[in-house]
Amino acid sequence: MCLRPRGSNNKNFHYEIMDATKEDAQAIFDSLKQLIIFQRRGLQLDSFFRYLFRDLNPPIFPKVNHDMNAPLSHYFLFTGHNSYLTENQLSSHCSVRPLIQALQRGVRVIELDLWPNSKKNGIVVRHAGTLTRPVELNKCLRAIKDNGFTASEYPVVITFEDHLTSELQAIVSEDGEEGDPDEDEENPTLQYKHLTAIDAGNPKGGVGIAGVPRDTVMEETKGIENEWIPVWNEEFSFPLSVPKLAVLRIEVKEQHSSGNHDFGGQTCLPISELRTGFRAVPLHDKKGVRYKSVKLLMRFDFESPE
């Protein structure tokens, strides 16, 4: 896959991504020693393939590599919407569990819809006009406090959709209701393990760019017939006018002759964070939860504008 910035304003974009040193390469070899995949003569071909598909070879930089000293308004924020809902917006429950899960994945903006409780003397979080069951505000605030910085050291922004009386607003401004939160009524422990697999079927890939209108595009690979390890071996080139606002979209579907395709997996990668070369790209389900054992091996390259 080749990404090609348009115009002279982007001429340095390629070189910023390509920056690497011999020390970086040595660090990779040092990290592989614990995997016991070295032979006496060095790294063997099979071991090299195993490295390519490991988390040691991610498609984007694993750590923050930007200047983080600018004002908050200078950054894009990982944002949640209706962050307290367990499932759909009409009939699911409001709970601290999805808040905790979002924070553990690095979400930095949490939205809470505030309403008076049934007795009008307390505050709950709920999705109004639906069948969703509310959760107490103080439980949500405690969950945010306890889990806000487990995945990231950067600020957590809480946005309130406020439907409260002035008296209840005063309580919120004093950092929540009085008293300690009780245990959540819901059992956070899963009752079973969910096994996820992509059927061999007829897998088909989609690759494209989400960004400014001029850059937005989606391409499709050919379908592969009945292969557990499909090899598409196709190359796509995307000219970009605003690379810093572009996101690489990757989708895998199972193709059917009827024209209806089953969802297989997806991921989105910011172009500005992509690492060149062959990379192991993990896929996620529709909710954004990463599959444990499903990855694509993809090659990324950047071309300077002509």
Protein backbone atom coordinates (compact mmCIF):
# COMPACT_ATOMS: atom_id res chain seq x y z
CA MET A 1 0.00 0.00 0.00
CA CYS A 2 1.40 3.35 -1.01
CA LEU A 3 0.31 6.71 0.41
CA ARG A 4 1.30 9.74 -1.60
CA PRO A 5 0.90 13.26 -0.13
CA ARG A 6 -0.27 15.89 -2.62
CA GLY A 7 1.38 19.29 -2.88
CA SER A 8 4.56 20.94 -1.64
CA ASN A 9 3.16 21.64 1.85
CA ASN A 10 3.45 17.93 2.66
CA LYS A 11 7.00 17.35 1.38
CA ASN A 12 8.39 16.54 4.86
CA PHE A 13 5.63 14.12 5.83
CA HIS A 14 7.37 11.07 4.32
CA TYR A 15 10.67 11.65 6.09
CA GLU A 16 9.09 12.13 9.49
CA ILE A 17 7.52 8.66 9.25
CA MET A 18 10.66 6.96 7.91
CA ASP A 19 13.02 8.08 10.71
CA ALA A 20 14.76 5.00 12.24
CA THR A 21 18.23 4.10 13.49
CA LYS A 22 20.47 1.07 13.92
CA GLU A 23 19.75 1.31 17.62
CA ASP A 24 16.04 0.81 16.85
CA ALA A 25 16.87 -2.36 14.91
CA GLN A 26 19.10 -3.65 17.72
CA ALA A 27 16.30 -3.01 20.22
CA ILE A 28 14.01 -5.24 18.15
CA PHE A 29 16.56 -8.09 18.20
CA ASP A 30 17.09 -7.66 21.92
CA SER A 31 13.35 -7.85 22.55
CA LEU A 32 13.13 -11.12 20.59
CA LYS A 33 15.66 -12.97 22.72
CA GLN A 34 13.05 -13.72 25.38
CA LEU A 35 10.89 -15.46 22.75
CA ILE A 36 13.59 -18.11 22.19
CA ILE A 37 13.26 -17.85 18.43
CA PHE A 38 16.95 -17.32 17.69
CA GLN A 39 19.14 -20.08 16.33
CA ARG A 40 22.92 -20.21 16.64
CA ARG A 41 23.30 -18.69 13.18
CA GLY A 42 20.87 -15.87 13.83
CA LEU A 43 17.21 -15.23 13.13
CA GLN A 44 15.77 -18.02 10.94
CA LEU A 45 13.07 -17.50 8.30
CA ASP A 46 10.30 -19.16 10.31
CA SER A 47 11.22 -17.12 13.37
CA PHE A 48 11.22 -13.95 11.29
CA PHE A 49 7.66 -14.68 10.11
CA ARG A 50 6.63 -15.22 13.71
CA TYR A 51 8.07 -11.83 14.60
CA LEU A 52 6.18 -10.13 11.75
CA PHE A 53 2.83 -11.25 13.19
CA ARG A 54 3.57 -10.43 16.82
CA ASP A 55 2.57 -7.32 18.74
CA LEU A 56 6.24 -6.30 18.57
CA ASN A 57 5.55 -5.24 14.97
CA PRO A 58 2.52 -2.88 15.20
CA PRO A 59 1.32 -0.70 12.30
CA ILE A 60 1.43 2.51 14.35
CA PHE A 61 3.79 3.85 16.98
CA PRO A 62 3.06 2.07 20.30
CA LYS A 63 3.91 5.13 22.39
CA VAL A 64 3.06 8.81 22.17
CA ASN A 65 5.67 10.49 19.97
CA HIS A 66 4.24 14.00 19.74
CA ASP A 67 4.95 17.18 21.63
CA MET A 68 2.38 17.00 24.43
CA ASN A 69 3.06 20.41 25.92
CA ALA A 70 0.67 22.42 23.72
CA PRO A 71 -2.80 23.59 24.90
CA LEU A 72 -5.51 20.92 24.94
CA SER A 73 -7.29 22.50 21.96
CA HIS A 74 -4.32 21.64 19.73
CA TYR A 75 -5.03 17.89 19.85
CA PHE A 76 -7.55 15.37 18.57
CA LEU A 77 -9.18 13.58 21.51
CA PHE A 78 -10.31 9.93 21.71
CA THR A 79 -13.99 10.62 22.38
CA GLY A 80 -16.89 8.48 23.59
CA HIS A 81 -20.60 9.11 22.95
CA ASN A 82 -23.25 7.93 25.42
CA SER A 83 -20.32 6.27 27.13
CA TYR A 84 -22.48 4.76 29.89
CA LEU A 85 -24.66 2.47 27.69
CA THR A 86 -24.03 -1.27 27.74
CA GLU A 87 -25.55 -1.93 24.31
CA ASN A 88 -27.99 -0.09 22.01
CA GLN A 89 -29.46 3.34 22.75
CA LEU A 90 -33.08 2.19 23.12
CA SER A 91 -33.35 -0.84 25.39
CA SER A 92 -29.98 -1.51 27.04
CA HIS A 93 -28.85 -0.52 30.55
CA CYS A 94 -26.82 2.38 31.88
CA SER A 95 -23.83 1.13 33.84
CA VAL A 96 -20.32 1.95 35.02
CA ARG A 97 -19.00 -1.12 33.17
CA PRO A 98 -18.83 0.48 29.69
CA LEU A 99 -17.26 3.58 31.27
CA ILE A 100 -14.49 1.45 32.77
CA GLN A 101 -13.98 -0.43 29.51
CA ALA A 102 -13.75 2.82 27.54
CA LEU A 103 -11.20 4.33 29.91
CA GLN A 104 -9.12 1.15 29.85
CA ARG A 105 -8.97 1.46 26.06
CA GLY A 106 -7.68 5.02 26.33
CA VAL A 107 -10.85 7.08 25.76
CA ARG A 108 -10.24 10.62 27.03
CA VAL A 109 -13.70 12.22 26.65
CA ILE A 110 -16.64 10.71 28.56
CA GLU A 111 -20.23 11.86 28.06
CA LEU A 112 -22.83 11.63 30.85
CA ASP A 113 -26.51 12.63 30.49
CA LEU A 114 -27.69 13.98 33.86
CA TRP A 115 -31.32 13.73 35.02
CA PRO A 116 -33.18 13.94 38.35
CA ASN A 117 -34.02 10.56 39.85
CA SER A 118 -37.61 9.40 40.28
CA LYS A 119 -37.92 11.21 43.65
CA LYS A 120 -36.38 14.41 42.25
CA ASN A 121 -33.87 14.48 45.11
CA GLY A 122 -30.88 12.85 43.47
CA ILE A 123 -29.00 12.57 40.18
CA VAL A 124 -28.91 9.68 37.75
CA VAL A 125 -27.32 9.09 34.36
CA ARG A 126 -29.71 7.81 31.71
CA HIS A 127 -30.69 8.05 28.06
CA ALA A 128 -34.01 9.90 28.17
CA GLY A 129 -37.04 8.86 26.15
CA THR A 130 -35.92 5.23 25.96
CA LEU A 131 -36.28 1.98 27.93
CA THR A 132 -32.73 2.14 29.29
CA ARG A 133 -32.32 1.70 33.05
CA PRO A 134 -30.46 4.55 34.86
CA VAL A 135 -27.30 4.42 36.96
CA GLU A 136 -26.42 6.78 39.82
CA LEU A 137 -24.09 9.65 38.98
CA ASN A 138 -21.79 9.09 41.97
CA LYS A 139 -21.10 5.53 40.78
CA CYS A 140 -20.08 6.88 37.37
CA LEU A 141 -17.81 9.53 38.90
CA ARG A 142 -16.16 6.96 41.16
CA ALA A 143 -15.55 4.64 38.18
CA ILE A 144 -13.98 7.50 36.23
CA LYS A 145 -11.80 8.46 39.19
CA ASP A 146 -10.60 4.88 39.75
CA ASN A 147 -9.95 4.04 36.07
CA GLY A 148 -9.28 7.36 34.35
CA PHE A 149 -5.51 6.96 34.16
CA THR A 150 -4.94 3.22 33.89
CA ALA A 151 -4.33 3.38 30.11
CA SER A 152 -3.23 6.98 29.65
CA GLU A 153 -1.66 9.73 31.73
CA TYR A 154 -3.40 12.50 29.78
CA PRO A 155 -6.45 14.47 30.98
CA VAL A 156 -9.94 13.02 31.10
CA VAL A 157 -12.69 15.38 29.93
CA ILE A 158 -16.22 14.74 31.25
CA THR A 159 -19.05 16.35 29.30
CA PHE A 160 -22.47 16.72 30.95
CA GLU A 161 -25.76 16.89 29.07
CA ASP A 162 -27.53 18.79 31.84
CA HIS A 163 -31.26 18.30 32.55
CA LEU A 164 -31.09 19.16 36.25
CA THR A 165 -32.74 21.73 38.51
CA SER A 166 -30.56 24.47 39.94
CA GLU A 167 -30.52 22.67 43.31
CA LEU A 168 -29.22 19.45 41.76
CA GLN A 169 -26.72 21.39 39.64
CA ALA A 170 -25.25 22.72 42.88
CA ILE A 171 -24.71 19.14 44.06
CA VAL A 172 -22.85 18.26 40.87
CA SER A 173 -20.66 21.34 41.21
CA GLU A 174 -19.64 20.07 44.66
CA ASP A 175 -18.30 16.88 43.08
CA GLY A 176 -21.31 14.61 43.35
CA GLU A 177 -23.87 13.52 45.89
CA GLU A 178 -23.12 12.85 49.54
CA GLY A 179 -22.28 9.37 50.74
CA ASP A 180 -20.20 6.51 49.39
CA PRO A 181 -21.37 4.67 46.29
CA ASP A 182 -22.71 1.19 46.85
CA GLU A 183 -21.62 -1.80 44.88
CA ASP A 184 -22.96 -1.84 41.32
CA GLU A 185 -26.06 -4.01 41.14
CA GLU A 186 -24.78 -5.58 37.95
CA ASN A 187 -22.26 -8.40 38.15
CA PRO A 188 -19.23 -7.27 36.12
CA THR A 189 -17.95 -10.84 35.80
CA LEU A 190 -18.68 -12.45 32.45
CA GLN A 191 -20.69 -15.66 32.76
CA TYR A 192 -19.09 -17.23 29.71
CA LYS A 193 -16.30 -16.70 27.24
CA HIS A 194 -17.22 -15.59 23.74
CA LEU A 195 -15.27 -17.28 20.97
CA THR A 196 -14.84 -15.17 17.86
CA ALA A 197 -13.73 -16.59 14.51
CA ILE A 198 -13.77 -15.57 10.87
CA ASP A 199 -15.10 -18.36 8.68
CA ALA A 200 -12.84 -19.55 5.86
CA GLY A 201 -15.70 -18.85 3.41
CA ASN A 202 -14.86 -16.28 0.74
CA PRO A 203 -13.02 -13.43 2.50
CA LYS A 204 -12.82 -10.05 0.82
CA GLY A 205 -10.95 -6.96 1.96
CA GLY A 206 -11.70 -3.28 1.79
CA VAL A 207 -9.06 -0.57 2.12
CA GLY A 208 -9.60 3.16 1.95
CA ILE A 209 -9.11 6.62 3.37
CA ALA A 210 -11.43 8.62 5.61
CA GLY A 211 -10.55 12.29 5.68
CA VAL A 212 -11.30 15.50 3.86
CA PRO A 213 -13.68 14.99 0.89
CA ARG A 214 -10.88 15.13 -1.66
CA ASP A 215 -9.03 12.25 0.05
CA THR A 216 -11.99 10.03 1.03
CA VAL A 217 -12.12 6.79 -0.98
CA MET A 218 -12.72 3.05 -0.48
CA GLU A 219 -11.24 0.23 -2.58
CA GLU A 220 -11.97 -3.51 -2.52
CA THR A 221 -9.78 -6.56 -3.02
CA LYS A 222 -10.84 -9.62 -4.96
CA GLY A 223 -12.54 -12.44 -3.06
CA ILE A 224 -10.45 -15.46 -1.99
CA GLU A 225 -12.22 -18.82 -2.24
CA ASN A 226 -12.19 -21.06 0.86
CA GLU A 227 -8.82 -20.13 2.35
CA TRP A 228 -8.17 -20.07 6.10
CA ILE A 229 -5.08 -17.94 5.45
CA PRO A 230 -6.08 -15.77 2.46
CA VAL A 231 -3.38 -13.99 0.48
CA TRP A 232 -4.68 -11.04 -1.52
CA ASN A 233 -1.32 -9.68 -2.68
CA GLU A 234 -2.87 -6.47 -4.03
CA GLU A 235 -1.50 -2.95 -3.92
CA PHE A 236 -3.43 0.30 -3.54
CA SER A 237 -2.18 3.84 -3.86
CA PHE A 238 -3.88 6.81 -2.20
CA PRO A 239 -2.89 10.41 -2.96
CA LEU A 240 -3.47 12.61 0.08
CA SER A 241 -4.01 16.35 0.24
CA VAL A 242 -4.30 16.58 4.06
CA PRO A 243 -2.38 13.58 5.55
CA LYS A 244 -2.72 14.77 9.14
CA LEU A 245 -6.53 14.49 8.93
CA ALA A 246 -6.54 11.16 7.06
CA VAL A 247 -7.37 7.77 8.60
CA LEU A 248 -6.70 4.42 6.90
CA ARG A 249 -9.80 2.18 6.98
CA ILE A 250 -9.38 -1.59 6.72
CA GLU A 251 -12.31 -4.02 6.59
CA VAL A 252 -12.63 -7.78 6.07
CA LYS A 253 -15.90 -9.39 5.02
CA GLU A 254 -17.09 -12.82 3.98
CA GLN A 255 -18.45 -12.50 0.46
CA HIS A 256 -21.64 -14.27 -0.65
CA SER A 257 -23.00 -14.74 -4.16
CA SER A 258 -26.23 -13.08 -3.01
CA GLY A 259 -24.36 -9.81 -2.60
CA ASN A 260 -24.85 -9.74 1.18
CA HIS A 261 -21.52 -9.82 2.99
CA ASP A 262 -20.91 -10.92 6.60
CA PHE A 263 -18.75 -8.70 8.78
CA GLY A 264 -15.35 -10.16 9.61
CA GLY A 265 -13.21 -7.47 11.18
CA GLN A 266 -12.10 -3.86 10.92
CA THR A 267 -9.56 -1.31 12.07
CA CYS A 268 -8.76 2.37 11.56
CA LEU A 269 -5.21 3.74 11.64
CA PRO A 270 -4.24 7.43 11.62
CA ILE A 271 -1.99 8.08 8.62
CA SER A 272 0.28 10.36 10.64
CA GLU A 273 1.07 7.44 12.97
CA LEU A 274 1.68 4.73 10.35
CA ARG A 275 5.03 2.95 10.33
CA THR A 276 6.46 1.98 6.95
CA GLY A 277 7.37 -1.58 6.01
CA PHE A 278 5.60 -4.88 6.72
CA ARG A 279 3.37 -4.62 9.78
CA ALA A 280 0.98 -6.88 11.70
CA VAL A 281 -2.40 -5.12 11.67
CA PRO A 282 -4.86 -6.37 14.34
CA LEU A 283 -8.57 -6.46 13.53
CA HIS A 284 -11.48 -5.50 15.79
CA ASP A 285 -15.15 -6.39 16.05
CA LYS A 286 -18.03 -3.97 15.40
CA LYS A 287 -17.70 -2.52 18.90
CA GLY A 288 -14.01 -1.85 18.49
CA VAL A 289 -12.86 -4.74 20.70
CA ARG A 290 -9.66 -6.27 19.37
CA TYR A 291 -9.65 -9.89 18.24
CA LYS A 292 -6.97 -11.87 20.06
CA SER A 293 -5.70 -13.95 17.13
CA VAL A 294 -6.78 -12.23 13.89
CA LYS A 295 -4.23 -10.05 12.08
CA LEU A 296 -3.36 -8.92 8.59
CA LEU A 297 0.21 -8.63 7.31
CA MET A 298 0.38 -5.41 5.30
CA ARG A 299 3.13 -3.30 3.79
CA PHE A 300 2.99 0.49 4.01
CA ASP A 301 5.04 3.00 2.07
CA PHE A 302 5.02 6.77 1.54
CA GLU A 303 6.00 8.61 -1.61
CA SER A 304 7.08 12.24 -1.72
CA PRO A 305 4.96 14.50 -3.96
CA GLU A 306 6.36 15.01 -7.42
